[in-house]
Amino acid sequence: MLNQKTISKKIMISGIGVHTGSKTTMTFIPSEPNRGIEFVRVDLPSQPVIKADIENVINTERGTILGGGESKMHTVEHVMAALWAFGIT
């Protein structure tokens, strides 16, 4: 089994969405062992969780879109590349 690596503390970043032009904030929170990378849509009432897993890829036409139920997370490849570069699992 490969060693797992998470961040040591909660980190927030804000900026302008690539495709929407809307102000966007992402919060990175340390995870428990064997949890993996998950996206939580806190902007939606049910706050759905979408696991970063190949099984949840629903489109790759102009970016990678993950989906679960009725929620989607667009252009995740940018943040996933950054996490990979730092060895975050």
PDB file of N, CA and C in Angstrom:
ATOM      1  N   MET A   1       0.838  -1.175   0.000  1.00  0.00           N
ATOM      2  CA  MET A   1       0.000   0.000   0.000  1.00  0.00           C
ATOM      3  C   MET A   1       0.884   1.240   0.000  1.00  0.00           C
ATOM      4  N   LEU A   2       0.492   2.254  -0.742  1.00  0.00           N
ATOM      5  CA  LEU A   2       1.224   3.509  -0.783  1.00  0.00           C
ATOM      6  C   LEU A   2       0.968   4.324   0.474  1.00  0.00           C
ATOM      7  N   ASN A   3       1.975   5.105   0.858  1.00  0.00           N
ATOM      8  CA  ASN A   3       1.775   6.015   1.984  1.00  0.00           C
ATOM      9  C   ASN A   3       0.745   7.071   1.612  1.00  0.00           C
ATOM     10  N   GLN A   4      -0.061   7.462   2.577  1.00  0.00           N
ATOM     11  CA  GLN A   4      -1.066   8.498   2.361  1.00  0.00           C
ATOM     12  C   GLN A   4      -0.551   9.808   2.925  1.00  0.00           C
ATOM     13  N   LYS A   5      -1.008  10.907   2.324  1.00  0.00           N
ATOM     14  CA  LYS A   5      -0.562  12.224   2.776  1.00  0.00           C
ATOM     15  C   LYS A   5      -1.732  13.194   2.720  1.00  0.00           C
ATOM     16  N   THR A   6      -1.934  13.939   3.800  1.00  0.00           N
ATOM     17  CA  THR A   6      -2.970  14.955   3.845  1.00  0.00           C
ATOM     18  C   THR A   6      -2.333  16.285   4.245  1.00  0.00           C
ATOM     19  N   ILE A   7      -3.124  17.324   4.344  1.00  0.00           N
ATOM     20  CA  ILE A   7      -2.621  18.616   4.782  1.00  0.00           C
ATOM     21  C   ILE A   7      -2.691  18.680   6.303  1.00  0.00           C
ATOM     22  N   SER A   8      -1.955  19.607   6.910  1.00  0.00           N
ATOM     23  CA  SER A   8      -1.907  19.659   8.371  1.00  0.00           C
ATOM     24  C   SER A   8      -2.996  20.524   8.989  1.00  0.00           C
ATOM     25  N   LYS A   9      -3.554  21.473   8.205  1.00  0.00           N
ATOM     26  CA  LYS A   9      -4.586  22.345   8.753  1.00  0.00           C
ATOM     27  C   LYS A   9      -5.516  22.822   7.637  1.00  0.00           C
ATOM     28  N   LYS A  10      -6.635  23.382   8.031  1.00  0.00           N
ATOM     29  CA  LYS A  10      -7.630  23.916   7.105  1.00  0.00           C
ATOM     30  C   LYS A  10      -7.035  25.114   6.349  1.00  0.00           C
ATOM     31  N   ILE A  11      -7.261  25.142   5.040  1.00  0.00           N
ATOM     32  CA  ILE A  11      -6.756  26.210   4.179  1.00  0.00           C
ATOM     33  C   ILE A  11      -7.888  26.681   3.275  1.00  0.00           C
ATOM     34  N   MET A  12      -8.057  27.996   3.138  1.00  0.00           N
ATOM     35  CA  MET A  12      -9.074  28.549   2.248  1.00  0.00           C
ATOM     36  C   MET A  12      -8.383  29.395   1.177  1.00  0.00           C
ATOM     37  N   ILE A  13      -8.875  29.267  -0.067  1.00  0.00           N
ATOM     38  CA  ILE A  13      -8.395  30.116  -1.160  1.00  0.00           C
ATOM     39  C   ILE A  13      -9.614  30.652  -1.900  1.00  0.00           C
ATOM     40  N   SER A  14      -9.493  31.850  -2.420  1.00  0.00           N
ATOM     41  CA  SER A  14     -10.584  32.472  -3.173  1.00  0.00           C
ATOM     42  C   SER A  14     -10.039  33.015  -4.479  1.00  0.00           C
ATOM     43  N   GLY A  15     -10.908  33.099  -5.455  1.00  0.00           N
ATOM     44  CA  GLY A  15     -10.532  33.642  -6.750  1.00  0.00           C
ATOM     45  C   GLY A  15     -11.754  33.714  -7.646  1.00  0.00           C
ATOM     46  N   ILE A  16     -11.505  33.928  -8.908  1.00  0.00           N
ATOM     47  CA  ILE A  16     -12.566  34.025  -9.907  1.00  0.00           C
ATOM     48  C   ILE A  16     -12.663  32.700 -10.654  1.00  0.00           C
ATOM     49  N   GLY A  17     -13.872  32.144 -10.752  1.00  0.00           N
ATOM     50  CA  GLY A  17     -14.096  30.885 -11.460  1.00  0.00           C
ATOM     51  C   GLY A  17     -13.670  30.973 -12.915  1.00  0.00           C
ATOM     52  N   VAL A  18     -12.954  29.968 -13.391  1.00  0.00           N
ATOM     53  CA  VAL A  18     -12.421  29.946 -14.751  1.00  0.00           C
ATOM     54  C   VAL A  18     -13.504  30.144 -15.812  1.00  0.00           C
ATOM     55  N   HIS A  19     -14.601  29.438 -15.683  1.00  0.00           N
ATOM     56  CA  HIS A  19     -15.646  29.484 -16.710  1.00  0.00           C
ATOM     57  C   HIS A  19     -16.824  30.381 -16.344  1.00  0.00           C
ATOM     58  N   THR A  20     -17.064  30.570 -15.055  1.00  0.00           N
ATOM     59  CA  THR A  20     -18.240  31.345 -14.648  1.00  0.00           C
ATOM     60  C   THR A  20     -17.949  32.821 -14.430  1.00  0.00           C
ATOM     61  N   GLY A  21     -16.709  33.139 -14.101  1.00  0.00           N
ATOM     62  CA  GLY A  21     -16.370  34.520 -13.772  1.00  0.00           C
ATOM     63  C   GLY A  21     -16.882  34.930 -12.405  1.00  0.00           C
ATOM     64  N   SER A  22     -17.435  34.000 -11.660  1.00  0.00           N
ATOM     65  CA  SER A  22     -17.981  34.272 -10.325  1.00  0.00           C
ATOM     66  C   SER A  22     -16.899  34.106  -9.264  1.00  0.00           C
ATOM     67  N   LYS A  23     -17.016  34.887  -8.174  1.00  0.00           N
ATOM     68  CA  LYS A  23     -16.096  34.708  -7.056  1.00  0.00           C
ATOM     69  C   LYS A  23     -16.311  33.317  -6.468  1.00  0.00           C
ATOM     70  N   THR A  24     -15.227  32.626  -6.247  1.00  0.00           N
ATOM     71  CA  THR A  24     -15.278  31.248  -5.779  1.00  0.00           C
ATOM     72  C   THR A  24     -14.321  31.079  -4.607  1.00  0.00           C
ATOM     73  N   THR A  25     -14.719  30.299  -3.636  1.00  0.00           N
ATOM     74  CA  THR A  25     -13.848  29.974  -2.507  1.00  0.00           C
ATOM     75  C   THR A  25     -13.792  28.460  -2.359  1.00  0.00           C
ATOM     76  N   MET A  26     -12.586  27.945  -2.174  1.00  0.00           N
ATOM     77  CA  MET A  26     -12.399  26.522  -1.892  1.00  0.00           C
ATOM     78  C   MET A  26     -11.753  26.407  -0.525  1.00  0.00           C
ATOM     79  N   THR A  27     -12.239  25.460   0.251  1.00  0.00           N
ATOM     80  CA  THR A  27     -11.672  25.188   1.563  1.00  0.00           C
ATOM     81  C   THR A  27     -11.125  23.767   1.549  1.00  0.00           C
ATOM     82  N   PHE A  28      -9.872  23.623   1.895  1.00  0.00           N
ATOM     83  CA  PHE A  28      -9.235  22.318   1.974  1.00  0.00           C
ATOM     84  C   PHE A  28      -9.158  21.940   3.444  1.00  0.00           C
ATOM     85  N   ILE A  29      -9.655  20.758   3.783  1.00  0.00           N
ATOM     86  CA  ILE A  29      -9.712  20.309   5.169  1.00  0.00           C
ATOM     87  C   ILE A  29      -8.960  18.982   5.288  1.00  0.00           C
ATOM     88  N   PRO A  30      -8.096  18.830   6.292  1.00  0.00           N
ATOM     89  CA  PRO A  30      -7.396  17.547   6.469  1.00  0.00           C
ATOM     90  C   PRO A  30      -8.395  16.388   6.537  1.00  0.00           C
ATOM     91  N   SER A  31      -7.981  15.265   6.011  1.00  0.00           N
ATOM     92  CA  SER A  31      -8.862  14.106   5.948  1.00  0.00           C
ATOM     93  C   SER A  31      -8.360  12.982   6.841  1.00  0.00           C
ATOM     94  N   GLU A  32      -9.273  12.090   7.143  1.00  0.00           N
ATOM     95  CA  GLU A  32      -8.932  10.892   7.904  1.00  0.00           C
ATOM     96  C   GLU A  32      -8.293   9.865   6.967  1.00  0.00           C
ATOM     97  N   PRO A  33      -7.521   8.914   7.514  1.00  0.00           N
ATOM     98  CA  PRO A  33      -6.925   7.869   6.679  1.00  0.00           C
ATOM     99  C   PRO A  33      -7.982   7.123   5.856  1.00  0.00           C
ATOM    100  N   ASN A  34      -7.618   6.773   4.647  1.00  0.00           N
ATOM    101  CA  ASN A  34      -8.434   5.986   3.715  1.00  0.00           C
ATOM    102  C   ASN A  34      -9.685   6.709   3.236  1.00  0.00           C
ATOM    103  N   ARG A  35      -9.783   7.993   3.449  1.00  0.00           N
ATOM    104  CA  ARG A  35     -10.965   8.753   3.025  1.00  0.00           C
ATOM    105  C   ARG A  35     -10.865   9.168   1.563  1.00  0.00           C
ATOM    106  N   GLY A  36      -9.670   9.514   1.110  1.00  0.00           N
ATOM    107  CA  GLY A  36      -9.485   9.981  -0.260  1.00  0.00           C
ATOM    108  C   GLY A  36      -9.864  11.446  -0.390  1.00  0.00           C
ATOM    109  N   ILE A  37      -9.906  11.910  -1.615  1.00  0.00           N
ATOM    110  CA  ILE A  37     -10.237  13.305  -1.904  1.00  0.00           C
ATOM    111  C   ILE A  37     -11.715  13.402  -2.238  1.00  0.00           C
ATOM    112  N   GLU A  38     -12.394  14.323  -1.574  1.00  0.00           N
ATOM    113  CA  GLU A  38     -13.829  14.524  -1.781  1.00  0.00           C
ATOM    114  C   GLU A  38     -14.107  16.014  -1.973  1.00  0.00           C
ATOM    115  N   PHE A  39     -15.075  16.304  -2.816  1.00  0.00           N
ATOM    116  CA  PHE A  39     -15.552  17.672  -3.011  1.00  0.00           C
ATOM    117  C   PHE A  39     -16.925  17.770  -2.364  1.00  0.00           C
ATOM    118  N   VAL A  40     -17.155  18.826  -1.609  1.00  0.00           N
ATOM    119  CA  VAL A  40     -18.448  19.041  -0.966  1.00  0.00           C
ATOM    120  C   VAL A  40     -19.017  20.343  -1.506  1.00  0.00           C
ATOM    121  N   ARG A  41     -20.210  20.285  -2.078  1.00  0.00           N
ATOM    122  CA  ARG A  41     -20.868  21.472  -2.630  1.00  0.00           C
ATOM    123  C   ARG A  41     -21.623  22.182  -1.517  1.00  0.00           C
ATOM    124  N   VAL A  42     -20.929  23.048  -0.761  1.00  0.00           N
ATOM    125  CA  VAL A  42     -21.564  23.753   0.353  1.00  0.00           C
ATOM    126  C   VAL A  42     -22.503  24.851  -0.132  1.00  0.00           C
ATOM    127  N   ASP A  43     -22.478  25.139  -1.437  1.00  0.00           N
ATOM    128  CA  ASP A  43     -23.387  26.139  -1.991  1.00  0.00           C
ATOM    129  C   ASP A  43     -24.772  25.564  -2.282  1.00  0.00           C
ATOM    130  N   LEU A  44     -24.938  24.272  -2.136  1.00  0.00           N
ATOM    131  CA  LEU A  44     -26.224  23.616  -2.366  1.00  0.00           C
ATOM    132  C   LEU A  44     -26.832  23.219  -1.026  1.00  0.00           C
ATOM    133  N   PRO A  45     -28.161  23.277  -0.900  1.00  0.00           N
ATOM    134  CA  PRO A  45     -28.828  22.990   0.380  1.00  0.00           C
ATOM    135  C   PRO A  45     -28.466  21.635   0.998  1.00  0.00           C
ATOM    136  N   SER A  46     -28.351  20.599   0.178  1.00  0.00           N
ATOM    137  CA  SER A  46     -28.067  19.269   0.729  1.00  0.00           C
ATOM    138  C   SER A  46     -26.574  19.021   0.940  1.00  0.00           C
ATOM    139  N   GLN A  47     -25.721  19.943   0.529  1.00  0.00           N
ATOM    140  CA  GLN A  47     -24.273  19.825   0.624  1.00  0.00           C
ATOM    141  C   GLN A  47     -23.763  18.447   0.190  1.00  0.00           C
ATOM    142  N   PRO A  48     -24.058  18.072  -1.064  1.00  0.00           N
ATOM    143  CA  PRO A  48     -23.651  16.749  -1.533  1.00  0.00           C
ATOM    144  C   PRO A  48     -22.133  16.588  -1.592  1.00  0.00           C
ATOM    145  N   VAL A  49     -21.692  15.362  -1.349  1.00  0.00           N
ATOM    146  CA  VAL A  49     -20.276  15.006  -1.409  1.00  0.00           C
ATOM    147  C   VAL A  49     -20.037  14.244  -2.705  1.00  0.00           C
ATOM    148  N   ILE A  50     -19.005  14.662  -3.449  1.00  0.00           N
ATOM    149  CA  ILE A  50     -18.631  13.974  -4.679  1.00  0.00           C
ATOM    150  C   ILE A  50     -17.197  13.494  -4.509  1.00  0.00           C
ATOM    151  N   LYS A  51     -17.009  12.196  -4.488  1.00  0.00           N
ATOM    152  CA  LYS A  51     -15.678  11.608  -4.318  1.00  0.00           C
ATOM    153  C   LYS A  51     -14.886  11.755  -5.620  1.00  0.00           C
ATOM    154  N   ALA A  52     -13.614  12.128  -5.491  1.00  0.00           N
ATOM    155  CA  ALA A  52     -12.727  12.221  -6.647  1.00  0.00           C
ATOM    156  C   ALA A  52     -12.329  10.807  -7.050  1.00  0.00           C
ATOM    157  N   ASP A  53     -13.129  10.232  -7.913  1.00  0.00           N
ATOM    158  CA  ASP A  53     -12.953   8.844  -8.324  1.00  0.00           C
ATOM    159  C   ASP A  53     -13.323   8.727  -9.799  1.00  0.00           C
ATOM    160  N   ILE A  54     -12.609   7.919 -10.525  1.00  0.00           N
ATOM    161  CA  ILE A  54     -12.870   7.733 -11.954  1.00  0.00           C
ATOM    162  C   ILE A  54     -14.322   7.317 -12.210  1.00  0.00           C
ATOM    163  N   GLU A  55     -14.922   6.629 -11.268  1.00  0.00           N
ATOM    164  CA  GLU A  55     -16.317   6.195 -11.395  1.00  0.00           C
ATOM    165  C   GLU A  55     -17.279   7.375 -11.434  1.00  0.00           C
ATOM    166  N   ASN A  56     -16.855   8.528 -10.917  1.00  0.00           N
ATOM    167  CA  ASN A  56     -17.724   9.703 -10.853  1.00  0.00           C
ATOM    168  C   ASN A  56     -17.479  10.711 -11.980  1.00  0.00           C
ATOM    169  N   VAL A  57     -16.586  10.385 -12.920  1.00  0.00           N
ATOM    170  CA  VAL A  57     -16.362  11.269 -14.064  1.00  0.00           C
ATOM    171  C   VAL A  57     -17.554  11.131 -15.008  1.00  0.00           C
ATOM    172  N   ILE A  58     -18.216  12.272 -15.266  1.00  0.00           N
ATOM    173  CA  ILE A  58     -19.390  12.217 -16.141  1.00  0.00           C
ATOM    174  C   ILE A  58     -19.167  12.915 -17.473  1.00  0.00           C
ATOM    175  N   ASN A  59     -18.063  13.690 -17.594  1.00  0.00           N
ATOM    176  CA  ASN A  59     -17.773  14.353 -18.862  1.00  0.00           C
ATOM    177  C   ASN A  59     -16.325  14.819 -18.849  1.00  0.00           C
ATOM    178  N   THR A  60     -15.696  14.792 -20.032  1.00  0.00           N
ATOM    179  CA  THR A  60     -14.322  15.287 -20.164  1.00  0.00           C
ATOM    180  C   THR A  60     -14.166  16.154 -21.405  1.00  0.00           C
ATOM    181  N   GLU A  61     -15.272  16.664 -21.933  1.00  0.00           N
ATOM    182  CA  GLU A  61     -15.208  17.399 -23.202  1.00  0.00           C
ATOM    183  C   GLU A  61     -14.385  18.680 -23.128  1.00  0.00           C
ATOM    184  N   ARG A  62     -14.618  19.550 -22.190  1.00  0.00           N
ATOM    185  CA  ARG A  62     -13.847  20.795 -22.056  1.00  0.00           C
ATOM    186  C   ARG A  62     -13.317  20.964 -20.641  1.00  0.00           C
ATOM    187  N   GLY A  63     -13.075  19.862 -19.995  1.00  0.00           N
ATOM    188  CA  GLY A  63     -12.618  19.829 -18.618  1.00  0.00           C
ATOM    189  C   GLY A  63     -13.198  18.576 -17.989  1.00  0.00           C
ATOM    190  N   THR A  64     -12.702  18.242 -16.843  1.00  0.00           N
ATOM    191  CA  THR A  64     -13.199  17.055 -16.155  1.00  0.00           C
ATOM    192  C   THR A  64     -14.337  17.453 -15.230  1.00  0.00           C
ATOM    193  N   ILE A  65     -15.472  16.794 -15.409  1.00  0.00           N
ATOM    194  CA  ILE A  65     -16.641  17.049 -14.575  1.00  0.00           C
ATOM    195  C   ILE A  65     -16.936  15.790 -13.771  1.00  0.00           C
ATOM    196  N   LEU A  66     -16.983  15.961 -12.451  1.00  0.00           N
ATOM    197  CA  LEU A  66     -17.389  14.874 -11.566  1.00  0.00           C
ATOM    198  C   LEU A  66     -18.845  15.084 -11.207  1.00  0.00           C
ATOM    199  N   GLY A  67     -19.573  13.997 -11.052  1.00  0.00           N
ATOM    200  CA  GLY A  67     -20.972  14.118 -10.684  1.00  0.00           C
ATOM    201  C   GLY A  67     -21.395  13.031  -9.731  1.00  0.00           C
ATOM    202  N   GLY A  68     -22.398  13.366  -8.949  1.00  0.00           N
ATOM    203  CA  GLY A  68     -22.994  12.425  -8.017  1.00  0.00           C
ATOM    204  C   GLY A  68     -24.422  12.862  -7.766  1.00  0.00           C
ATOM    205  N   GLY A  69     -25.377  12.038  -8.111  1.00  0.00           N
ATOM    206  CA  GLY A  69     -26.777  12.436  -7.977  1.00  0.00           C
ATOM    207  C   GLY A  69     -27.063  13.592  -8.918  1.00  0.00           C
ATOM    208  N   GLU A  70     -27.641  14.661  -8.387  1.00  0.00           N
ATOM    209  CA  GLU A  70     -27.957  15.818  -9.221  1.00  0.00           C
ATOM    210  C   GLU A  70     -26.881  16.904  -9.168  1.00  0.00           C
ATOM    211  N   SER A  71     -25.805  16.681  -8.436  1.00  0.00           N
ATOM    212  CA  SER A  71     -24.766  17.706  -8.310  1.00  0.00           C
ATOM    213  C   SER A  71     -23.571  17.380  -9.197  1.00  0.00           C
ATOM    214  N   LYS A  72     -22.870  18.431  -9.584  1.00  0.00           N
ATOM    215  CA  LYS A  72     -21.681  18.306 -10.430  1.00  0.00           C
ATOM    216  C   LYS A  72     -20.598  19.232  -9.907  1.00  0.00           C
ATOM    217  N   MET A  73     -19.368  18.888 -10.221  1.00  0.00           N
ATOM    218  CA  MET A  73     -18.219  19.711  -9.898  1.00  0.00           C
ATOM    219  C   MET A  73     -17.407  19.820 -11.185  1.00  0.00           C
ATOM    220  N   HIS A  74     -17.298  21.045 -11.716  1.00  0.00           N
ATOM    221  CA  HIS A  74     -16.649  21.267 -13.009  1.00  0.00           C
ATOM    222  C   HIS A  74     -15.166  21.608 -12.866  1.00  0.00           C
ATOM    223  N   THR A  75     -14.402  21.246 -13.868  1.00  0.00           N
ATOM    224  CA  THR A  75     -12.990  21.605 -14.043  1.00  0.00           C
ATOM    225  C   THR A  75     -12.134  21.199 -12.841  1.00  0.00           C
ATOM    226  N   VAL A  76     -12.343  20.008 -12.354  1.00  0.00           N
ATOM    227  CA  VAL A  76     -11.609  19.536 -11.172  1.00  0.00           C
ATOM    228  C   VAL A  76     -10.164  19.180 -11.477  1.00  0.00           C
ATOM    229  N   GLU A  77      -9.823  19.055 -12.751  1.00  0.00           N
ATOM    230  CA  GLU A  77      -8.463  18.632 -13.091  1.00  0.00           C
ATOM    231  C   GLU A  77      -7.405  19.631 -12.616  1.00  0.00           C
ATOM    232  N   HIS A  78      -7.763  20.891 -12.496  1.00  0.00           N
ATOM    233  CA  HIS A  78      -6.797  21.894 -12.045  1.00  0.00           C
ATOM    234  C   HIS A  78      -6.409  21.663 -10.584  1.00  0.00           C
ATOM    235  N   VAL A  79      -7.387  21.528  -9.727  1.00  0.00           N
ATOM    236  CA  VAL A  79      -7.080  21.299  -8.312  1.00  0.00           C
ATOM    237  C   VAL A  79      -6.503  19.901  -8.094  1.00  0.00           C
ATOM    238  N   MET A  80      -6.957  18.925  -8.859  1.00  0.00           N
ATOM    239  CA  MET A  80      -6.422  17.569  -8.720  1.00  0.00           C
ATOM    240  C   MET A  80      -4.940  17.530  -9.121  1.00  0.00           C
ATOM    241  N   ALA A  81      -4.559  18.292 -10.151  1.00  0.00           N
ATOM    242  CA  ALA A  81      -3.154  18.351 -10.566  1.00  0.00           C
ATOM    243  C   ALA A  81      -2.298  18.979  -9.470  1.00  0.00           C
ATOM    244  N   ALA A  82      -2.812  20.029  -8.840  1.00  0.00           N
ATOM    245  CA  ALA A  82      -2.073  20.679  -7.758  1.00  0.00           C
ATOM    246  C   ALA A  82      -1.911  19.724  -6.562  1.00  0.00           C
ATOM    247  N   LEU A  83      -2.973  19.010  -6.212  1.00  0.00           N
ATOM    248  CA  LEU A  83      -2.886  18.044  -5.118  1.00  0.00           C
ATOM    249  C   LEU A  83      -1.884  16.942  -5.436  1.00  0.00           C
ATOM    250  N   TRP A  84      -1.922  16.465  -6.665  1.00  0.00           N
ATOM    251  CA  TRP A  84      -0.980  15.412  -7.087  1.00  0.00           C
ATOM    252  C   TRP A  84       0.459  15.911  -6.994  1.00  0.00           C
ATOM    253  N   ALA A  85       0.696  17.170  -7.432  1.00  0.00           N
ATOM    254  CA  ALA A  85       2.049  17.740  -7.407  1.00  0.00           C
ATOM    255  C   ALA A  85       2.612  17.774  -5.985  1.00  0.00           C
ATOM    256  N   PHE A  86       1.748  17.967  -5.000  1.00  0.00           N
ATOM    257  CA  PHE A  86       2.187  18.003  -3.607  1.00  0.00           C
ATOM    258  C   PHE A  86       2.073  16.640  -2.914  1.00  0.00           C
ATOM    259  N   GLY A  87       1.640  15.636  -3.645  1.00  0.00           N
ATOM    260  CA  GLY A  87       1.542  14.287  -3.081  1.00  0.00           C
ATOM    261  C   GLY A  87       0.374  14.085  -2.150  1.00  0.00           C
ATOM    262  N   ILE A  88      -0.633  14.974  -2.246  1.00  0.00           N
ATOM    263  CA  ILE A  88      -1.810  14.861  -1.365  1.00  0.00           C
ATOM    264  C   ILE A  88      -2.708  13.751  -1.899  1.00  0.00           C
ATOM    265  N   THR A  89      -3.069  12.829  -1.021  1.00  0.00           N
ATOM    266  CA  THR A  89      -3.883  11.701  -1.453  1.00  0.00           C
ATOM    267  C   THR A  89      -5.235  11.712  -0.787  1.00  0.00           C
TER     268      THR A  89
END
